[in-house]
Amino acid sequence: MNEERIMIFIDGSNLFHGIRHLNIKINYAKLVEFLRESRRLVRTYFYTAVPQEKDIKKGTQEWESFIRQRRFLEELSNTGIKVKVARLRKLPSGEFVEKEVDIMLATDMLSLAYQNAYDTAVLVSGDSDFIYTVEEVQRIGKRVENAAFKKTSSHQLRKTCDRFILLDDYVDRFIYEDKPALLEEVGFWAKIKSLWKR
């Protein structure tokens, strides 16, 4: 077995927006295995944001979607994926604002690189905001691979990373084929997307 140690950092929101138009449901255990290849996986992190329970009215479609989202995150945790959750804050205008997810991911990726916890980081996101983080991780002496769907993939981020994996080309390796092509996140994100500011 290859002794290269890897950690996988999944930007849940970016991944969701990248696959929404494909109408597929990801098997995250298979996705992790696909990205791991023959290397030694240290840990996988999944980052997302959800509203606080008090900000969602019970008995509504938004509440049911919120419960499904929470169940989905629990299932992810049960597969061994470390789920990191930021809170969407509800403004007086009714809009939800999220500022923490990217910072959480970037901080973990940098901190763990400084601690020599991995040799290669696999960043599952197409967000160009991570370019500086990637460059700093590389400066420490680590490799960074980028995996993303075409719809949300940043060309500059791809160029900055040591390797790029276009996930669109490999969907058959990590999707559920025997279940309805729906995402657990769809209901929740579709309901609040028009209210969400980054």
C-alpha atoms as a PDB file:
ATOM      1  CA  MET A   1       0.000   0.000   0.000  1.00  0.00           C
ATOM      2  CA  ASN A   2       1.152   3.513  -0.823  1.00  0.00           C
ATOM      3  CA  GLU A   3       2.235   5.240   2.402  1.00  0.00           C
ATOM      4  CA  GLU A   4       1.243   8.657   1.114  1.00  0.00           C
ATOM      5  CA  ARG A   5      -1.099  10.075   3.752  1.00  0.00           C
ATOM      6  CA  ILE A   6      -4.107  11.994   2.533  1.00  0.00           C
ATOM      7  CA  MET A   7      -6.898  14.034   4.037  1.00  0.00           C
ATOM      8  CA  ILE A   8     -10.039  14.925   2.129  1.00  0.00           C
ATOM      9  CA  PHE A   9     -11.751  18.277   2.673  1.00  0.00           C
ATOM     10  CA  ILE A  10     -15.274  18.498   1.198  1.00  0.00           C
ATOM     11  CA  ASP A  11     -16.976  21.858   0.738  1.00  0.00           C
ATOM     12  CA  GLY A  12     -20.540  20.575   1.026  1.00  0.00           C
ATOM     13  CA  SER A  13     -22.306  23.640  -0.343  1.00  0.00           C
ATOM     14  CA  ASN A  14     -20.021  23.956  -3.364  1.00  0.00           C
ATOM     15  CA  LEU A  15     -20.355  20.256  -4.092  1.00  0.00           C
ATOM     16  CA  PHE A  16     -24.132  20.449  -3.856  1.00  0.00           C
ATOM     17  CA  HIS A  17     -24.341  23.368  -6.284  1.00  0.00           C
ATOM     18  CA  GLY A  18     -21.983  21.548  -8.640  1.00  0.00           C
ATOM     19  CA  ILE A  19     -24.183  18.460  -8.903  1.00  0.00           C
ATOM     20  CA  ARG A  20     -27.664  19.899  -8.523  1.00  0.00           C
ATOM     21  CA  HIS A  21     -28.252  20.179 -12.271  1.00  0.00           C
ATOM     22  CA  LEU A  22     -27.024  16.594 -12.788  1.00  0.00           C
ATOM     23  CA  ASN A  23     -29.849  15.215 -10.615  1.00  0.00           C
ATOM     24  CA  ILE A  24     -27.683  12.584  -8.984  1.00  0.00           C
ATOM     25  CA  LYS A  25     -27.287  11.320  -5.443  1.00  0.00           C
ATOM     26  CA  ILE A  26     -23.737  10.859  -4.211  1.00  0.00           C
ATOM     27  CA  ASN A  27     -22.630   7.875  -2.195  1.00  0.00           C
ATOM     28  CA  TYR A  28     -20.071   9.673  -0.048  1.00  0.00           C
ATOM     29  CA  ALA A  29     -18.369   6.497   1.102  1.00  0.00           C
ATOM     30  CA  LYS A  30     -17.733   5.625  -2.550  1.00  0.00           C
ATOM     31  CA  LEU A  31     -16.610   9.170  -3.332  1.00  0.00           C
ATOM     32  CA  VAL A  32     -14.053   9.009  -0.524  1.00  0.00           C
ATOM     33  CA  GLU A  33     -12.815   5.629  -1.726  1.00  0.00           C
ATOM     34  CA  PHE A  34     -12.533   6.949  -5.295  1.00  0.00           C
ATOM     35  CA  LEU A  35     -10.469   9.950  -4.186  1.00  0.00           C
ATOM     36  CA  ARG A  36      -8.334   7.898  -1.806  1.00  0.00           C
ATOM     37  CA  GLU A  37      -7.105   5.528  -4.502  1.00  0.00           C
ATOM     38  CA  SER A  38      -4.447   3.274  -2.942  1.00  0.00           C
ATOM     39  CA  ARG A  39      -3.250   5.848  -0.449  1.00  0.00           C
ATOM     40  CA  ARG A  40      -3.613   5.901   3.330  1.00  0.00           C
ATOM     41  CA  LEU A  41      -6.625   7.961   4.312  1.00  0.00           C
ATOM     42  CA  VAL A  42      -6.128   9.795   7.593  1.00  0.00           C
ATOM     43  CA  ARG A  43      -9.538  11.476   7.732  1.00  0.00           C
ATOM     44  CA  THR A  44     -12.309  13.034   5.645  1.00  0.00           C
ATOM     45  CA  TYR A  45     -13.977  16.285   6.641  1.00  0.00           C
ATOM     46  CA  PHE A  46     -17.319  17.541   5.340  1.00  0.00           C
ATOM     47  CA  TYR A  47     -18.169  21.226   5.813  1.00  0.00           C
ATOM     48  CA  THR A  48     -21.640  22.716   5.598  1.00  0.00           C
ATOM     49  CA  ALA A  49     -23.937  25.295   7.160  1.00  0.00           C
ATOM     50  CA  VAL A  50     -27.427  24.804   8.556  1.00  0.00           C
ATOM     51  CA  PRO A  51     -29.838  27.229  10.209  1.00  0.00           C
ATOM     52  CA  GLN A  52     -30.526  27.143  13.904  1.00  0.00           C
ATOM     53  CA  GLU A  53     -33.591  25.170  14.886  1.00  0.00           C
ATOM     54  CA  LYS A  54     -35.249  28.261  16.347  1.00  0.00           C
ATOM     55  CA  ASP A  55     -35.114  29.995  12.963  1.00  0.00           C
ATOM     56  CA  ILE A  56     -37.221  27.366  11.166  1.00  0.00           C
ATOM     57  CA  LYS A  57     -40.966  27.195  11.730  1.00  0.00           C
ATOM     58  CA  LYS A  58     -42.118  23.727  12.739  1.00  0.00           C
ATOM     59  CA  GLY A  59     -44.695  22.021  10.566  1.00  0.00           C
ATOM     60  CA  THR A  60     -43.524  23.738   7.366  1.00  0.00           C
ATOM     61  CA  GLN A  61     -41.804  22.266   4.317  1.00  0.00           C
ATOM     62  CA  GLU A  62     -38.650  24.100   5.415  1.00  0.00           C
ATOM     63  CA  TRP A  63     -38.829  22.284   8.759  1.00  0.00           C
ATOM     64  CA  GLU A  64     -39.151  18.885   7.067  1.00  0.00           C
ATOM     65  CA  SER A  65     -36.197  19.731   4.834  1.00  0.00           C
ATOM     66  CA  PHE A  66     -34.210  20.837   7.872  1.00  0.00           C
ATOM     67  CA  ILE A  67     -34.905  17.484   9.571  1.00  0.00           C
ATOM     68  CA  ARG A  68     -33.835  15.605   6.419  1.00  0.00           C
ATOM     69  CA  GLN A  69     -30.650  17.664   6.280  1.00  0.00           C
ATOM     70  CA  ARG A  70     -29.873  16.853   9.911  1.00  0.00           C
ATOM     71  CA  ARG A  71     -30.495  13.144   9.286  1.00  0.00           C
ATOM     72  CA  PHE A  72     -28.227  13.270   6.240  1.00  0.00           C
ATOM     73  CA  LEU A  73     -25.390  14.776   8.304  1.00  0.00           C
ATOM     74  CA  GLU A  74     -25.846  12.115  10.976  1.00  0.00           C
ATOM     75  CA  GLU A  75     -25.595   9.411   8.305  1.00  0.00           C
ATOM     76  CA  LEU A  76     -22.395  11.010   7.002  1.00  0.00           C
ATOM     77  CA  SER A  77     -20.938  10.922  10.511  1.00  0.00           C
ATOM     78  CA  ASN A  78     -21.853   7.241  10.792  1.00  0.00           C
ATOM     79  CA  THR A  79     -19.730   6.488   7.705  1.00  0.00           C
ATOM     80  CA  GLY A  80     -16.652   7.872   9.465  1.00  0.00           C
ATOM     81  CA  ILE A  81     -16.709  11.308   7.851  1.00  0.00           C
ATOM     82  CA  LYS A  82     -16.055  14.151  10.284  1.00  0.00           C
ATOM     83  CA  VAL A  83     -18.871  16.668   9.810  1.00  0.00           C
ATOM     84  CA  LYS A  84     -18.090  20.310  10.594  1.00  0.00           C
ATOM     85  CA  VAL A  85     -21.179  22.511  10.806  1.00  0.00           C
ATOM     86  CA  ALA A  86     -21.404  26.290  10.706  1.00  0.00           C
ATOM     87  CA  ARG A  87     -24.626  28.061  11.556  1.00  0.00           C
ATOM     88  CA  LEU A  88     -26.617  30.079   9.066  1.00  0.00           C
ATOM     89  CA  ARG A  89     -27.650  33.252  10.834  1.00  0.00           C
ATOM     90  CA  LYS A  90     -31.072  34.711  10.152  1.00  0.00           C
ATOM     91  CA  LEU A  91     -31.078  38.463   9.672  1.00  0.00           C
ATOM     92  CA  PRO A  92     -34.041  40.686  10.622  1.00  0.00           C
ATOM     93  CA  SER A  93     -34.849  40.848   6.899  1.00  0.00           C
ATOM     94  CA  GLY A  94     -35.410  37.093   6.914  1.00  0.00           C
ATOM     95  CA  GLU A  95     -32.280  36.408   4.880  1.00  0.00           C
ATOM     96  CA  PHE A  96     -29.792  33.765   5.973  1.00  0.00           C
ATOM     97  CA  VAL A  97     -26.104  34.660   5.994  1.00  0.00           C
ATOM     98  CA  GLU A  98     -23.179  32.222   6.027  1.00  0.00           C
ATOM     99  CA  LYS A  99     -19.589  33.361   6.436  1.00  0.00           C
ATOM    100  CA  GLU A 100     -17.898  30.575   8.371  1.00  0.00           C
ATOM    101  CA  VAL A 101     -17.695  27.429   6.211  1.00  0.00           C
ATOM    102  CA  ASP A 102     -14.807  28.533   3.984  1.00  0.00           C
ATOM    103  CA  ILE A 103     -12.863  29.801   7.001  1.00  0.00           C
ATOM    104  CA  MET A 104     -13.407  26.520   8.880  1.00  0.00           C
ATOM    105  CA  LEU A 105     -12.162  24.464   5.941  1.00  0.00           C
ATOM    106  CA  ALA A 106      -9.178  26.727   5.228  1.00  0.00           C
ATOM    107  CA  THR A 107      -8.164  26.803   8.898  1.00  0.00           C
ATOM    108  CA  ASP A 108      -8.315  23.013   9.252  1.00  0.00           C
ATOM    109  CA  MET A 109      -6.422  22.443   6.023  1.00  0.00           C
ATOM    110  CA  LEU A 110      -3.638  24.833   7.072  1.00  0.00           C
ATOM    111  CA  SER A 111      -3.480  23.759  10.704  1.00  0.00           C
ATOM    112  CA  LEU A 112      -3.276  20.079   9.832  1.00  0.00           C
ATOM    113  CA  ALA A 113      -0.586  20.790   7.223  1.00  0.00           C
ATOM    114  CA  TYR A 114       1.501  22.612   9.836  1.00  0.00           C
ATOM    115  CA  GLN A 115       0.997  19.651  12.185  1.00  0.00           C
ATOM    116  CA  ASN A 116       2.273  17.322   9.427  1.00  0.00           C
ATOM    117  CA  ALA A 117      -0.962  15.320   9.664  1.00  0.00           C
ATOM    118  CA  TYR A 118      -1.008  14.569   5.933  1.00  0.00           C
ATOM    119  CA  ASP A 119       1.150  14.553   2.807  1.00  0.00           C
ATOM    120  CA  THR A 120      -1.616  15.407   0.336  1.00  0.00           C
ATOM    121  CA  ALA A 121      -4.846  17.331   0.791  1.00  0.00           C
ATOM    122  CA  VAL A 122      -7.730  16.576  -1.548  1.00  0.00           C
ATOM    123  CA  LEU A 123      -9.889  19.693  -1.749  1.00  0.00           C
ATOM    124  CA  VAL A 124     -13.386  18.899  -3.025  1.00  0.00           C
ATOM    125  CA  SER A 125     -14.510  22.364  -4.053  1.00  0.00           C
ATOM    126  CA  GLY A 126     -14.400  24.652  -7.046  1.00  0.00           C
ATOM    127  CA  ASP A 127     -14.284  27.837  -4.969  1.00  0.00           C
ATOM    128  CA  SER A 128     -11.478  30.198  -6.005  1.00  0.00           C
ATOM    129  CA  ASP A 129     -11.458  31.634  -2.465  1.00  0.00           C
ATOM    130  CA  PHE A 130      -9.259  28.686  -1.488  1.00  0.00           C
ATOM    131  CA  ILE A 131      -6.382  29.627  -3.800  1.00  0.00           C
ATOM    132  CA  TYR A 132      -4.359  31.400  -1.108  1.00  0.00           C
ATOM    133  CA  THR A 133      -4.921  28.505   1.305  1.00  0.00           C
ATOM    134  CA  VAL A 134      -3.710  26.050  -1.322  1.00  0.00           C
ATOM    135  CA  GLU A 135      -0.595  28.120  -2.008  1.00  0.00           C
ATOM    136  CA  GLU A 136       0.239  28.292   1.694  1.00  0.00           C
ATOM    137  CA  VAL A 137      -0.244  24.539   2.141  1.00  0.00           C
ATOM    138  CA  GLN A 138       2.067  23.964  -0.837  1.00  0.00           C
ATOM    139  CA  ARG A 139       4.635  26.365   0.643  1.00  0.00           C
ATOM    140  CA  ILE A 140       4.713  24.158   3.743  1.00  0.00           C
ATOM    141  CA  GLY A 141       5.678  21.281   1.437  1.00  0.00           C
ATOM    142  CA  LYS A 142       2.352  19.498   1.007  1.00  0.00           C
ATOM    143  CA  ARG A 143       0.569  18.567  -2.203  1.00  0.00           C
ATOM    144  CA  VAL A 144      -2.980  19.668  -2.931  1.00  0.00           C
ATOM    145  CA  GLU A 145      -5.328  17.910  -5.323  1.00  0.00           C
ATOM    146  CA  ASN A 146      -8.546  19.551  -6.453  1.00  0.00           C
ATOM    147  CA  ALA A 147     -11.700  17.590  -7.259  1.00  0.00           C
ATOM    148  CA  ALA A 148     -14.783  19.425  -8.471  1.00  0.00           C
ATOM    149  CA  PHE A 149     -17.704  19.371 -10.848  1.00  0.00           C
ATOM    150  CA  LYS A 150     -17.415  21.470 -13.980  1.00  0.00           C
ATOM    151  CA  LYS A 151     -20.362  23.724 -13.132  1.00  0.00           C
ATOM    152  CA  THR A 152     -18.660  25.240 -10.067  1.00  0.00           C
ATOM    153  CA  SER A 153     -14.996  24.667 -10.874  1.00  0.00           C
ATOM    154  CA  SER A 154     -12.602  27.623 -10.823  1.00  0.00           C
ATOM    155  CA  HIS A 155     -10.010  27.535 -13.604  1.00  0.00           C
ATOM    156  CA  GLN A 156      -7.529  29.434 -11.433  1.00  0.00           C
ATOM    157  CA  LEU A 157      -7.964  27.006  -8.529  1.00  0.00           C
ATOM    158  CA  ARG A 158      -7.387  24.067 -10.885  1.00  0.00           C
ATOM    159  CA  LYS A 159      -4.167  25.662 -12.139  1.00  0.00           C
ATOM    160  CA  THR A 160      -2.939  26.361  -8.617  1.00  0.00           C
ATOM    161  CA  CYS A 161      -3.375  22.786  -7.360  1.00  0.00           C
ATOM    162  CA  ASP A 162      -0.931  19.975  -8.092  1.00  0.00           C
ATOM    163  CA  ARG A 163      -3.606  17.821  -9.708  1.00  0.00           C
ATOM    164  CA  PHE A 164      -7.187  18.290 -10.860  1.00  0.00           C
ATOM    165  CA  ILE A 165      -9.944  15.646 -11.020  1.00  0.00           C
ATOM    166  CA  LEU A 166     -13.062  16.533 -13.015  1.00  0.00           C
ATOM    167  CA  LEU A 167     -15.731  14.630 -11.104  1.00  0.00           C
ATOM    168  CA  ASP A 168     -18.222  14.800 -13.978  1.00  0.00           C
ATOM    169  CA  ASP A 169     -16.110  12.205 -15.790  1.00  0.00           C
ATOM    170  CA  TYR A 170     -16.355   9.661 -12.958  1.00  0.00           C
ATOM    171  CA  VAL A 171     -19.903   9.937 -11.586  1.00  0.00           C
ATOM    172  CA  ASP A 172     -20.548   6.248 -12.216  1.00  0.00           C
ATOM    173  CA  ARG A 173     -17.907   5.499  -9.576  1.00  0.00           C
ATOM    174  CA  PHE A 174     -19.680   7.203  -6.659  1.00  0.00           C
ATOM    175  CA  ILE A 175     -23.411   7.630  -7.222  1.00  0.00           C
ATOM    176  CA  TYR A 176     -26.389   5.645  -6.048  1.00  0.00           C
ATOM    177  CA  GLU A 177     -27.854   3.985  -9.140  1.00  0.00           C
ATOM    178  CA  ASP A 178     -30.677   2.084  -7.437  1.00  0.00           C
ATOM    179  CA  LYS A 179     -32.246   5.019  -5.586  1.00  0.00           C
ATOM    180  CA  PRO A 180     -34.225   8.066  -6.705  1.00  0.00           C
ATOM    181  CA  ALA A 181     -31.912  10.683  -8.145  1.00  0.00           C
ATOM    182  CA  LEU A 182     -32.455  13.186  -5.373  1.00  0.00           C
ATOM    183  CA  LEU A 183     -30.149  14.781  -2.849  1.00  0.00           C
ATOM    184  CA  GLU A 184     -31.028  14.979   0.823  1.00  0.00           C
ATOM    185  CA  GLU A 185     -29.908  18.599   0.677  1.00  0.00           C
ATOM    186  CA  VAL A 186     -32.148  19.592  -2.232  1.00  0.00           C
ATOM    187  CA  GLY A 187     -35.275  20.341  -0.257  1.00  0.00           C
ATOM    188  CA  PHE A 188     -33.530  22.470   2.307  1.00  0.00           C
ATOM    189  CA  TRP A 189     -31.241  24.404   0.002  1.00  0.00           C
ATOM    190  CA  ALA A 190     -33.918  24.966  -2.621  1.00  0.00           C
ATOM    191  CA  LYS A 191     -36.196  26.509  -0.009  1.00  0.00           C
ATOM    192  CA  ILE A 192     -33.681  28.967   1.430  1.00  0.00           C
ATOM    193  CA  LYS A 193     -31.435  29.645  -1.590  1.00  0.00           C
ATOM    194  CA  SER A 194     -33.357  32.800  -2.488  1.00  0.00           C
ATOM    195  CA  LEU A 195     -32.869  34.054   1.079  1.00  0.00           C
ATOM    196  CA  TRP A 196     -29.201  33.131   1.424  1.00  0.00           C
ATOM    197  CA  LYS A 197     -26.425  35.694   1.229  1.00  0.00           C
ATOM    198  CA  ARG A 198     -22.752  34.770   1.388  1.00  0.00           C
END
